[in-house]
Amino acid sequence: MSAEPPPEPAAGAMREKRPGAQTARGVSVLHETFPQHTFLMNGLIQGVKGLLSFLSAPLIIALSNVWGRKPFLISTVFFTCFPIPPMRISPWIWCYFR
């Protein structure tokens, strides 16, 4: 009897999903938090994000006409990149910055 290691998964094969495993874009966090309503919560998050973007865009445009575009472009890039280090530390943060 020889103890052979288990075969390697084929290229492109899906990995085994285990509790707490991080999947693309934080889907497992939403699924763990709201197992019966994952798609509903994802839709609500995206809807609120879109509504706030729609309401804040005219204000940002008006302020950039007064103070110039450069500070607003720099702040946009900063706040876009700011969540990346916390997301590397804890996968639970993915659901807040999605």
PDB file of N, CA and C in Angstrom:
ATOM      1  N   MET A   1       0.829  -1.173   0.000  1.00  0.00           N
ATOM      2  CA  MET A   1       0.000   0.000   0.000  1.00  0.00           C
ATOM      3  C   MET A   1       0.874   1.237   0.000  1.00  0.00           C
ATOM      4  N   SER A   2       0.713   2.105  -0.997  1.00  0.00           N
ATOM      5  CA  SER A   2       1.488   3.334  -1.033  1.00  0.00           C
ATOM      6  C   SER A   2       0.554   4.517  -0.813  1.00  0.00           C
ATOM      7  N   ALA A   3       1.049   5.481  -0.076  1.00  0.00           N
ATOM      8  CA  ALA A   3       0.253   6.672   0.201  1.00  0.00           C
ATOM      9  C   ALA A   3       0.565   7.717  -0.857  1.00  0.00           C
ATOM     10  N   GLU A   4      -0.302   7.825  -1.839  1.00  0.00           N
ATOM     11  CA  GLU A   4      -0.095   8.797  -2.899  1.00  0.00           C
ATOM     12  C   GLU A   4      -0.790  10.103  -2.524  1.00  0.00           C
ATOM     13  N   PRO A   5      -0.163  11.223  -2.863  1.00  0.00           N
ATOM     14  CA  PRO A   5      -0.818  12.503  -2.584  1.00  0.00           C
ATOM     15  C   PRO A   5      -2.040  12.674  -3.482  1.00  0.00           C
ATOM     16  N   PRO A   6      -3.007  13.472  -3.045  1.00  0.00           N
ATOM     17  CA  PRO A   6      -4.188  13.674  -3.884  1.00  0.00           C
ATOM     18  C   PRO A   6      -3.794  14.372  -5.184  1.00  0.00           C
ATOM     19  N   PRO A   7      -4.535  14.096  -6.254  1.00  0.00           N
ATOM     20  CA  PRO A   7      -4.181  14.705  -7.538  1.00  0.00           C
ATOM     21  C   PRO A   7      -4.362  16.220  -7.496  1.00  0.00           C
ATOM     22  N   GLU A   8      -3.521  16.907  -8.279  1.00  0.00           N
ATOM     23  CA  GLU A   8      -3.597  18.362  -8.387  1.00  0.00           C
ATOM     24  C   GLU A   8      -4.855  18.730  -9.171  1.00  0.00           C
ATOM     25  N   PRO A   9      -5.528  19.829  -8.793  1.00  0.00           N
ATOM     26  CA  PRO A   9      -6.689  20.238  -9.561  1.00  0.00           C
ATOM     27  C   PRO A   9      -6.282  20.694 -10.955  1.00  0.00           C
ATOM     28  N   ALA A  10      -7.150  20.451 -11.904  1.00  0.00           N
ATOM     29  CA  ALA A  10      -6.872  20.843 -13.284  1.00  0.00           C
ATOM     30  C   ALA A  10      -6.850  22.361 -13.397  1.00  0.00           C
ATOM     31  N   ALA A  11      -6.158  22.835 -14.414  1.00  0.00           N
ATOM     32  CA  ALA A  11      -6.091  24.278 -14.635  1.00  0.00           C
ATOM     33  C   ALA A  11      -7.493  24.815 -14.878  1.00  0.00           C
ATOM     34  N   GLY A  12      -7.835  25.880 -14.198  1.00  0.00           N
ATOM     35  CA  GLY A  12      -9.156  26.484 -14.354  1.00  0.00           C
ATOM     36  C   GLY A  12     -10.221  25.855 -13.471  1.00  0.00           C
ATOM     37  N   ALA A  13      -9.854  24.801 -12.729  1.00  0.00           N
ATOM     38  CA  ALA A  13     -10.834  24.172 -11.849  1.00  0.00           C
ATOM     39  C   ALA A  13     -11.093  25.067 -10.647  1.00  0.00           C
ATOM     40  N   MET A  14     -12.305  24.996 -10.134  1.00  0.00           N
ATOM     41  CA  MET A  14     -12.665  25.820  -8.990  1.00  0.00           C
ATOM     42  C   MET A  14     -12.096  25.203  -7.724  1.00  0.00           C
ATOM     43  N   ARG A  15     -11.640  26.066  -6.833  1.00  0.00           N
ATOM     44  CA  ARG A  15     -11.129  25.595  -5.551  1.00  0.00           C
ATOM     45  C   ARG A  15     -12.288  25.198  -4.650  1.00  0.00           C
ATOM     46  N   GLU A  16     -11.949  24.407  -3.652  1.00  0.00           N
ATOM     47  CA  GLU A  16     -12.945  24.019  -2.662  1.00  0.00           C
ATOM     48  C   GLU A  16     -13.344  25.246  -1.851  1.00  0.00           C
ATOM     49  N   LYS A  17     -14.641  25.432  -1.662  1.00  0.00           N
ATOM     50  CA  LYS A  17     -15.109  26.573  -0.877  1.00  0.00           C
ATOM     51  C   LYS A  17     -15.199  26.145   0.574  1.00  0.00           C
ATOM     52  N   ARG A  18     -14.517  26.864   1.417  1.00  0.00           N
ATOM     53  CA  ARG A  18     -14.538  26.562   2.839  1.00  0.00           C
ATOM     54  C   ARG A  18     -15.046  27.783   3.586  1.00  0.00           C
ATOM     55  N   PRO A  19     -15.576  27.611   4.773  1.00  0.00           N
ATOM     56  CA  PRO A  19     -16.081  28.757   5.527  1.00  0.00           C
ATOM     57  C   PRO A  19     -14.989  29.789   5.753  1.00  0.00           C
ATOM     58  N   GLY A  20     -15.304  31.034   5.507  1.00  0.00           N
ATOM     59  CA  GLY A  20     -14.359  32.110   5.712  1.00  0.00           C
ATOM     60  C   GLY A  20     -13.426  32.347   4.536  1.00  0.00           C
ATOM     61  N   ALA A  21     -13.548  31.538   3.484  1.00  0.00           N
ATOM     62  CA  ALA A  21     -12.679  31.733   2.324  1.00  0.00           C
ATOM     63  C   ALA A  21     -13.096  32.994   1.588  1.00  0.00           C
ATOM     64  N   GLN A  22     -12.121  33.739   1.135  1.00  0.00           N
ATOM     65  CA  GLN A  22     -12.392  34.981   0.413  1.00  0.00           C
ATOM     66  C   GLN A  22     -12.600  34.661  -1.060  1.00  0.00           C
ATOM     67  N   THR A  23     -13.727  35.050  -1.595  1.00  0.00           N
ATOM     68  CA  THR A  23     -13.969  34.888  -3.019  1.00  0.00           C
ATOM     69  C   THR A  23     -13.928  36.256  -3.664  1.00  0.00           C
ATOM     70  N   ALA A  24     -14.089  36.279  -4.949  1.00  0.00           N
ATOM     71  CA  ALA A  24     -13.987  37.532  -5.697  1.00  0.00           C
ATOM     72  C   ALA A  24     -15.034  38.530  -5.228  1.00  0.00           C
ATOM     73  N   ARG A  25     -14.588  39.747  -4.959  1.00  0.00           N
ATOM     74  CA  ARG A  25     -15.422  40.896  -4.657  1.00  0.00           C
ATOM     75  C   ARG A  25     -16.263  40.743  -3.395  1.00  0.00           C
ATOM     76  N   GLY A  26     -15.848  39.925  -2.458  1.00  0.00           N
ATOM     77  CA  GLY A  26     -16.519  39.883  -1.172  1.00  0.00           C
ATOM     78  C   GLY A  26     -17.859  39.178  -1.165  1.00  0.00           C
ATOM     79  N   VAL A  27     -18.135  38.346  -2.152  1.00  0.00           N
ATOM     80  CA  VAL A  27     -19.428  37.686  -2.225  1.00  0.00           C
ATOM     81  C   VAL A  27     -19.634  36.766  -1.039  1.00  0.00           C
ATOM     82  N   SER A  28     -18.576  36.089  -0.572  1.00  0.00           N
ATOM     83  CA  SER A  28     -18.750  35.174   0.542  1.00  0.00           C
ATOM     84  C   SER A  28     -19.104  35.920   1.824  1.00  0.00           C
ATOM     85  N   VAL A  29     -18.629  37.158   1.981  1.00  0.00           N
ATOM     86  CA  VAL A  29     -18.962  37.934   3.173  1.00  0.00           C
ATOM     87  C   VAL A  29     -20.461  38.236   3.184  1.00  0.00           C
ATOM     88  N   LEU A  30     -20.989  38.675   2.057  1.00  0.00           N
ATOM     89  CA  LEU A  30     -22.435  38.924   1.993  1.00  0.00           C
ATOM     90  C   LEU A  30     -23.210  37.634   2.193  1.00  0.00           C
ATOM     91  N   HIS A  31     -22.716  36.545   1.623  1.00  0.00           N
ATOM     92  CA  HIS A  31     -23.427  35.272   1.757  1.00  0.00           C
ATOM     93  C   HIS A  31     -23.392  34.761   3.191  1.00  0.00           C
ATOM     94  N   GLU A  32     -22.272  34.968   3.886  1.00  0.00           N
ATOM     95  CA  GLU A  32     -22.198  34.540   5.280  1.00  0.00           C
ATOM     96  C   GLU A  32     -23.072  35.409   6.173  1.00  0.00           C
ATOM     97  N   THR A  33     -23.147  36.719   5.864  1.00  0.00           N
ATOM     98  CA  THR A  33     -23.913  37.631   6.703  1.00  0.00           C
ATOM     99  C   THR A  33     -25.399  37.520   6.443  1.00  0.00           C
ATOM    100  N   PHE A  34     -25.781  37.425   5.176  1.00  0.00           N
ATOM    101  CA  PHE A  34     -27.194  37.345   4.788  1.00  0.00           C
ATOM    102  C   PHE A  34     -27.392  36.130   3.887  1.00  0.00           C
ATOM    103  N   PRO A  35     -27.385  34.925   4.455  1.00  0.00           N
ATOM    104  CA  PRO A  35     -27.425  33.729   3.603  1.00  0.00           C
ATOM    105  C   PRO A  35     -28.697  33.602   2.767  1.00  0.00           C
ATOM    106  N   GLN A  36     -29.819  34.096   3.241  1.00  0.00           N
ATOM    107  CA  GLN A  36     -31.071  33.972   2.494  1.00  0.00           C
ATOM    108  C   GLN A  36     -31.315  35.149   1.553  1.00  0.00           C
ATOM    109  N   HIS A  37     -30.604  36.257   1.759  1.00  0.00           N
ATOM    110  CA  HIS A  37     -30.888  37.475   0.995  1.00  0.00           C
ATOM    111  C   HIS A  37     -29.622  38.108   0.423  1.00  0.00           C
ATOM    112  N   THR A  38     -28.711  37.287  -0.075  1.00  0.00           N
ATOM    113  CA  THR A  38     -27.439  37.805  -0.587  1.00  0.00           C
ATOM    114  C   THR A  38     -27.652  38.760  -1.748  1.00  0.00           C
ATOM    115  N   PHE A  39     -28.456  38.368  -2.731  1.00  0.00           N
ATOM    116  CA  PHE A  39     -28.654  39.204  -3.918  1.00  0.00           C
ATOM    117  C   PHE A  39     -29.447  40.459  -3.589  1.00  0.00           C
ATOM    118  N   LEU A  40     -30.390  40.358  -2.662  1.00  0.00           N
ATOM    119  CA  LEU A  40     -31.150  41.529  -2.244  1.00  0.00           C
ATOM    120  C   LEU A  40     -30.240  42.555  -1.586  1.00  0.00           C
ATOM    121  N   MET A  41     -29.381  42.111  -0.676  1.00  0.00           N
ATOM    122  CA  MET A  41     -28.475  43.040   0.004  1.00  0.00           C
ATOM    123  C   MET A  41     -27.462  43.635  -0.973  1.00  0.00           C
ATOM    124  N   ASN A  42     -26.974  42.836  -1.916  1.00  0.00           N
ATOM    125  CA  ASN A  42     -26.062  43.364  -2.923  1.00  0.00           C
ATOM    126  C   ASN A  42     -26.765  44.431  -3.757  1.00  0.00           C
ATOM    127  N   GLY A  43     -28.012  44.190  -4.124  1.00  0.00           N
ATOM    128  CA  GLY A  43     -28.780  45.179  -4.879  1.00  0.00           C
ATOM    129  C   GLY A  43     -29.020  46.452  -4.085  1.00  0.00           C
ATOM    130  N   LEU A  44     -29.318  46.320  -2.797  1.00  0.00           N
ATOM    131  CA  LEU A  44     -29.524  47.503  -1.958  1.00  0.00           C
ATOM    132  C   LEU A  44     -28.244  48.316  -1.819  1.00  0.00           C
ATOM    133  N   ILE A  45     -27.121  47.643  -1.626  1.00  0.00           N
ATOM    134  CA  ILE A  45     -25.837  48.343  -1.505  1.00  0.00           C
ATOM    135  C   ILE A  45     -25.529  49.095  -2.788  1.00  0.00           C
ATOM    136  N   GLN A  46     -25.690  48.425  -3.918  1.00  0.00           N
ATOM    137  CA  GLN A  46     -25.402  49.080  -5.199  1.00  0.00           C
ATOM    138  C   GLN A  46     -26.390  50.206  -5.489  1.00  0.00           C
ATOM    139  N   GLY A  47     -27.654  50.030  -5.097  1.00  0.00           N
ATOM    140  CA  GLY A  47     -28.653  51.074  -5.302  1.00  0.00           C
ATOM    141  C   GLY A  47     -28.366  52.328  -4.488  1.00  0.00           C
ATOM    142  N   VAL A  48     -28.011  52.154  -3.221  1.00  0.00           N
ATOM    143  CA  VAL A  48     -27.676  53.303  -2.374  1.00  0.00           C
ATOM    144  C   VAL A  48     -26.422  53.994  -2.901  1.00  0.00           C
ATOM    145  N   LYS A  49     -25.441  53.206  -3.326  1.00  0.00           N
ATOM    146  CA  LYS A  49     -24.217  53.783  -3.889  1.00  0.00           C
ATOM    147  C   LYS A  49     -24.533  54.619  -5.133  1.00  0.00           C
ATOM    148  N   GLY A  50     -25.358  54.109  -6.020  1.00  0.00           N
ATOM    149  CA  GLY A  50     -25.731  54.844  -7.226  1.00  0.00           C
ATOM    150  C   GLY A  50     -26.523  56.095  -6.921  1.00  0.00           C
ATOM    151  N   LEU A  51     -27.456  56.001  -5.976  1.00  0.00           N
ATOM    152  CA  LEU A  51     -28.265  57.162  -5.599  1.00  0.00           C
ATOM    153  C   LEU A  51     -27.398  58.263  -4.994  1.00  0.00           C
ATOM    154  N   LEU A  52     -26.487  57.903  -4.111  1.00  0.00           N
ATOM    155  CA  LEU A  52     -25.610  58.904  -3.511  1.00  0.00           C
ATOM    156  C   LEU A  52     -24.676  59.527  -4.548  1.00  0.00           C
ATOM    157  N   SER A  53     -24.209  58.732  -5.500  1.00  0.00           N
ATOM    158  CA  SER A  53     -23.380  59.287  -6.575  1.00  0.00           C
ATOM    159  C   SER A  53     -24.181  60.258  -7.423  1.00  0.00           C
ATOM    160  N   PHE A  54     -25.413  59.892  -7.727  1.00  0.00           N
ATOM    161  CA  PHE A  54     -26.285  60.749  -8.535  1.00  0.00           C
ATOM    162  C   PHE A  54     -26.572  62.072  -7.827  1.00  0.00           C
ATOM    163  N   LEU A  55     -26.791  62.027  -6.523  1.00  0.00           N
ATOM    164  CA  LEU A  55     -27.112  63.247  -5.775  1.00  0.00           C
ATOM    165  C   LEU A  55     -25.888  64.109  -5.489  1.00  0.00           C
ATOM    166  N   SER A  56     -24.725  63.493  -5.337  1.00  0.00           N
ATOM    167  CA  SER A  56     -23.549  64.285  -4.979  1.00  0.00           C
ATOM    168  C   SER A  56     -22.794  64.838  -6.181  1.00  0.00           C
ATOM    169  N   ALA A  57     -23.011  64.309  -7.362  1.00  0.00           N
ATOM    170  CA  ALA A  57     -22.266  64.765  -8.542  1.00  0.00           C
ATOM    171  C   ALA A  57     -22.462  66.251  -8.829  1.00  0.00           C
ATOM    172  N   PRO A  58     -23.682  66.802  -8.818  1.00  0.00           N
ATOM    173  CA  PRO A  58     -23.821  68.241  -9.083  1.00  0.00           C
ATOM    174  C   PRO A  58     -23.111  69.111  -8.042  1.00  0.00           C
ATOM    175  N   LEU A  59     -23.124  68.695  -6.789  1.00  0.00           N
ATOM    176  CA  LEU A  59     -22.438  69.451  -5.748  1.00  0.00           C
ATOM    177  C   LEU A  59     -20.927  69.456  -5.989  1.00  0.00           C
ATOM    178  N   ILE A  60     -20.377  68.314  -6.314  1.00  0.00           N
ATOM    179  CA  ILE A  60     -18.933  68.228  -6.562  1.00  0.00           C
ATOM    180  C   ILE A  60     -18.552  69.055  -7.793  1.00  0.00           C
ATOM    181  N   ILE A  61     -19.383  69.027  -8.820  1.00  0.00           N
ATOM    182  CA  ILE A  61     -19.104  69.833 -10.017  1.00  0.00           C
ATOM    183  C   ILE A  61     -19.129  71.321  -9.683  1.00  0.00           C
ATOM    184  N   ALA A  62     -20.127  71.749  -8.904  1.00  0.00           N
ATOM    185  CA  ALA A  62     -20.211  73.169  -8.533  1.00  0.00           C
ATOM    186  C   ALA A  62     -19.003  73.585  -7.692  1.00  0.00           C
ATOM    187  N   LEU A  63     -18.588  72.755  -6.754  1.00  0.00           N
ATOM    188  CA  LEU A  63     -17.429  73.083  -5.929  1.00  0.00           C
ATOM    189  C   LEU A  63     -16.137  73.074  -6.740  1.00  0.00           C
ATOM    190  N   SER A  64     -16.043  72.173  -7.713  1.00  0.00           N
ATOM    191  CA  SER A  64     -14.817  72.152  -8.524  1.00  0.00           C
ATOM    192  C   SER A  64     -14.754  73.360  -9.454  1.00  0.00           C
ATOM    193  N   ASN A  65     -15.898  73.939  -9.822  1.00  0.00           N
ATOM    194  CA  ASN A  65     -15.881  75.168 -10.609  1.00  0.00           C
ATOM    195  C   ASN A  65     -15.377  76.353  -9.784  1.00  0.00           C
ATOM    196  N   VAL A  66     -15.608  76.303  -8.472  1.00  0.00           N
ATOM    197  CA  VAL A  66     -15.171  77.394  -7.602  1.00  0.00           C
ATOM    198  C   VAL A  66     -13.709  77.234  -7.213  1.00  0.00           C
ATOM    199  N   TRP A  67     -13.309  76.037  -6.761  1.00  0.00           N
ATOM    200  CA  TRP A  67     -11.972  75.827  -6.215  1.00  0.00           C
ATOM    201  C   TRP A  67     -10.980  75.221  -7.208  1.00  0.00           C
ATOM    202  N   GLY A  68     -11.426  74.790  -8.341  1.00  0.00           N
ATOM    203  CA  GLY A  68     -10.542  74.164  -9.323  1.00  0.00           C
ATOM    204  C   GLY A  68     -10.695  72.653  -9.312  1.00  0.00           C
ATOM    205  N   ARG A  69     -10.267  72.041 -10.394  1.00  0.00           N
ATOM    206  CA  ARG A  69     -10.459  70.598 -10.550  1.00  0.00           C
ATOM    207  C   ARG A  69      -9.409  69.762  -9.842  1.00  0.00           C
ATOM    208  N   LYS A  70      -8.192  70.275  -9.743  1.00  0.00           N
ATOM    209  CA  LYS A  70      -7.082  69.469  -9.223  1.00  0.00           C
ATOM    210  C   LYS A  70      -7.332  68.922  -7.812  1.00  0.00           C
ATOM    211  N   PRO A  71      -7.797  69.733  -6.829  1.00  0.00           N
ATOM    212  CA  PRO A  71      -8.039  69.156  -5.493  1.00  0.00           C
ATOM    213  C   PRO A  71      -9.095  68.050  -5.501  1.00  0.00           C
ATOM    214  N   PHE A  72     -10.092  68.179  -6.356  1.00  0.00           N
ATOM    215  CA  PHE A  72     -11.139  67.163  -6.396  1.00  0.00           C
ATOM    216  C   PHE A  72     -10.659  65.900  -7.099  1.00  0.00           C
ATOM    217  N   LEU A  73      -9.835  66.039  -8.113  1.00  0.00           N
ATOM    218  CA  LEU A  73      -9.275  64.854  -8.764  1.00  0.00           C
ATOM    219  C   LEU A  73      -8.332  64.107  -7.822  1.00  0.00           C
ATOM    220  N   ILE A  74      -7.501  64.844  -7.092  1.00  0.00           N
ATOM    221  CA  ILE A  74      -6.573  64.207  -6.155  1.00  0.00           C
ATOM    222  C   ILE A  74      -7.336  63.518  -5.025  1.00  0.00           C
ATOM    223  N   SER A  75      -8.364  64.184  -4.490  1.00  0.00           N
ATOM    224  CA  SER A  75      -9.142  63.555  -3.411  1.00  0.00           C
ATOM    225  C   SER A  75      -9.899  62.329  -3.910  1.00  0.00           C
ATOM    226  N   THR A  76     -10.373  62.358  -5.149  1.00  0.00           N
ATOM    227  CA  THR A  76     -11.066  61.193  -5.709  1.00  0.00           C
ATOM    228  C   THR A  76     -10.121  60.011  -5.832  1.00  0.00           C
ATOM    229  N   VAL A  77      -8.923  60.244  -6.331  1.00  0.00           N
ATOM    230  CA  VAL A  77      -7.940  59.165  -6.448  1.00  0.00           C
ATOM    231  C   VAL A  77      -7.553  58.652  -5.063  1.00  0.00           C
ATOM    232  N   PHE A  78      -7.367  59.563  -4.100  1.00  0.00           N
ATOM    233  CA  PHE A  78      -6.994  59.143  -2.745  1.00  0.00           C
ATOM    234  C   PHE A  78      -8.076  58.253  -2.128  1.00  0.00           C
ATOM    235  N   PHE A  79      -9.337  58.694  -2.185  1.00  0.00           N
ATOM    236  CA  PHE A  79     -10.403  57.927  -1.547  1.00  0.00           C
ATOM    237  C   PHE A  79     -10.768  56.666  -2.324  1.00  0.00           C
ATOM    238  N   THR A  80     -10.358  56.586  -3.589  1.00  0.00           N
ATOM    239  CA  THR A  80     -10.526  55.342  -4.327  1.00  0.00           C
ATOM    240  C   THR A  80      -9.493  54.317  -3.881  1.00  0.00           C
ATOM    241  N   CYS A  81      -8.265  54.764  -3.623  1.00  0.00           N
ATOM    242  CA  CYS A  81      -7.179  53.861  -3.244  1.00  0.00           C
ATOM    243  C   CYS A  81      -7.113  53.592  -1.743  1.00  0.00           C
ATOM    244  N   PHE A  82      -7.722  54.441  -0.925  1.00  0.00           N
ATOM    245  CA  PHE A  82      -7.647  54.312   0.526  1.00  0.00           C
ATOM    246  C   PHE A  82      -8.134  52.960   1.058  1.00  0.00           C
ATOM    247  N   PRO A  83      -9.226  52.362   0.552  1.00  0.00           N
ATOM    248  CA  PRO A  83      -9.716  51.095   1.128  1.00  0.00           C
ATOM    249  C   PRO A  83      -8.852  49.882   0.834  1.00  0.00           C
ATOM    250  N   ILE A  84      -7.904  49.975  -0.089  1.00  0.00           N
ATOM    251  CA  ILE A  84      -7.153  48.779  -0.485  1.00  0.00           C
ATOM    252  C   ILE A  84      -6.348  48.181   0.670  1.00  0.00           C
ATOM    253  N   PRO A  85      -5.544  48.945   1.436  1.00  0.00           N
ATOM    254  CA  PRO A  85      -4.820  48.315   2.557  1.00  0.00           C
ATOM    255  C   PRO A  85      -5.735  47.690   3.620  1.00  0.00           C
ATOM    256  N   PRO A  86      -6.831  48.352   4.040  1.00  0.00           N
ATOM    257  CA  PRO A  86      -7.702  47.662   5.004  1.00  0.00           C
ATOM    258  C   PRO A  86      -8.328  46.386   4.452  1.00  0.00           C
ATOM    259  N   MET A  87      -8.615  46.348   3.156  1.00  0.00           N
ATOM    260  CA  MET A  87      -9.196  45.136   2.577  1.00  0.00           C
ATOM    261  C   MET A  87      -8.188  43.996   2.555  1.00  0.00           C
ATOM    262  N   ARG A  88      -6.906  44.309   2.472  1.00  0.00           N
ATOM    263  CA  ARG A  88      -5.890  43.267   2.528  1.00  0.00           C
ATOM    264  C   ARG A  88      -5.758  42.727   3.951  1.00  0.00           C
ATOM    265  N   ILE A  89      -6.053  43.558   4.951  1.00  0.00           N
ATOM    266  CA  ILE A  89      -5.932  43.145   6.347  1.00  0.00           C
ATOM    267  C   ILE A  89      -7.098  42.243   6.749  1.00  0.00           C
ATOM    268  N   SER A  90      -8.328  42.650   6.419  1.00  0.00           N
ATOM    269  CA  SER A  90      -9.510  41.897   6.841  1.00  0.00           C
ATOM    270  C   SER A  90     -10.499  41.758   5.693  1.00  0.00           C
ATOM    271  N   PRO A  91     -10.858  40.532   5.324  1.00  0.00           N
ATOM    272  CA  PRO A  91     -11.813  40.346   4.235  1.00  0.00           C
ATOM    273  C   PRO A  91     -13.221  40.850   4.575  1.00  0.00           C
ATOM    274  N   TRP A  92     -13.535  41.036   5.849  1.00  0.00           N
ATOM    275  CA  TRP A  92     -14.867  41.522   6.215  1.00  0.00           C
ATOM    276  C   TRP A  92     -15.086  42.959   5.767  1.00  0.00           C
ATOM    277  N   ILE A  93     -14.030  43.702   5.512  1.00  0.00           N
ATOM    278  CA  ILE A  93     -14.149  45.088   5.081  1.00  0.00           C
ATOM    279  C   ILE A  93     -14.615  45.170   3.632  1.00  0.00           C
ATOM    280  N   TRP A  94     -14.494  44.068   2.872  1.00  0.00           N
ATOM    281  CA  TRP A  94     -14.903  44.062   1.464  1.00  0.00           C
ATOM    282  C   TRP A  94     -16.348  44.502   1.295  1.00  0.00           C
ATOM    283  N   CYS A  95     -17.230  44.099   2.204  1.00  0.00           N
ATOM    284  CA  CYS A  95     -18.647  44.411   2.000  1.00  0.00           C
ATOM    285  C   CYS A  95     -18.919  45.909   2.168  1.00  0.00           C
ATOM    286  N   TYR A  96     -18.065  46.652   2.847  1.00  0.00           N
ATOM    287  CA  TYR A  96     -18.286  48.070   3.026  1.00  0.00           C
ATOM    288  C   TYR A  96     -17.765  48.902   1.858  1.00  0.00           C
ATOM    289  N   PHE A  97     -16.742  48.426   1.155  1.00  0.00           N
ATOM    290  CA  PHE A  97     -16.127  49.191   0.081  1.00  0.00           C
ATOM    291  C   PHE A  97     -16.419  48.612  -1.283  1.00  0.00           C
ATOM    292  N   ARG A  98     -17.433  47.865  -1.445  1.00  0.00           N
ATOM    293  CA  ARG A  98     -17.758  47.208  -2.697  1.00  0.00           C
ATOM    294  C   ARG A  98     -18.332  48.135  -3.700  1.00  0.00           C
TER     295      ARG A  98
END
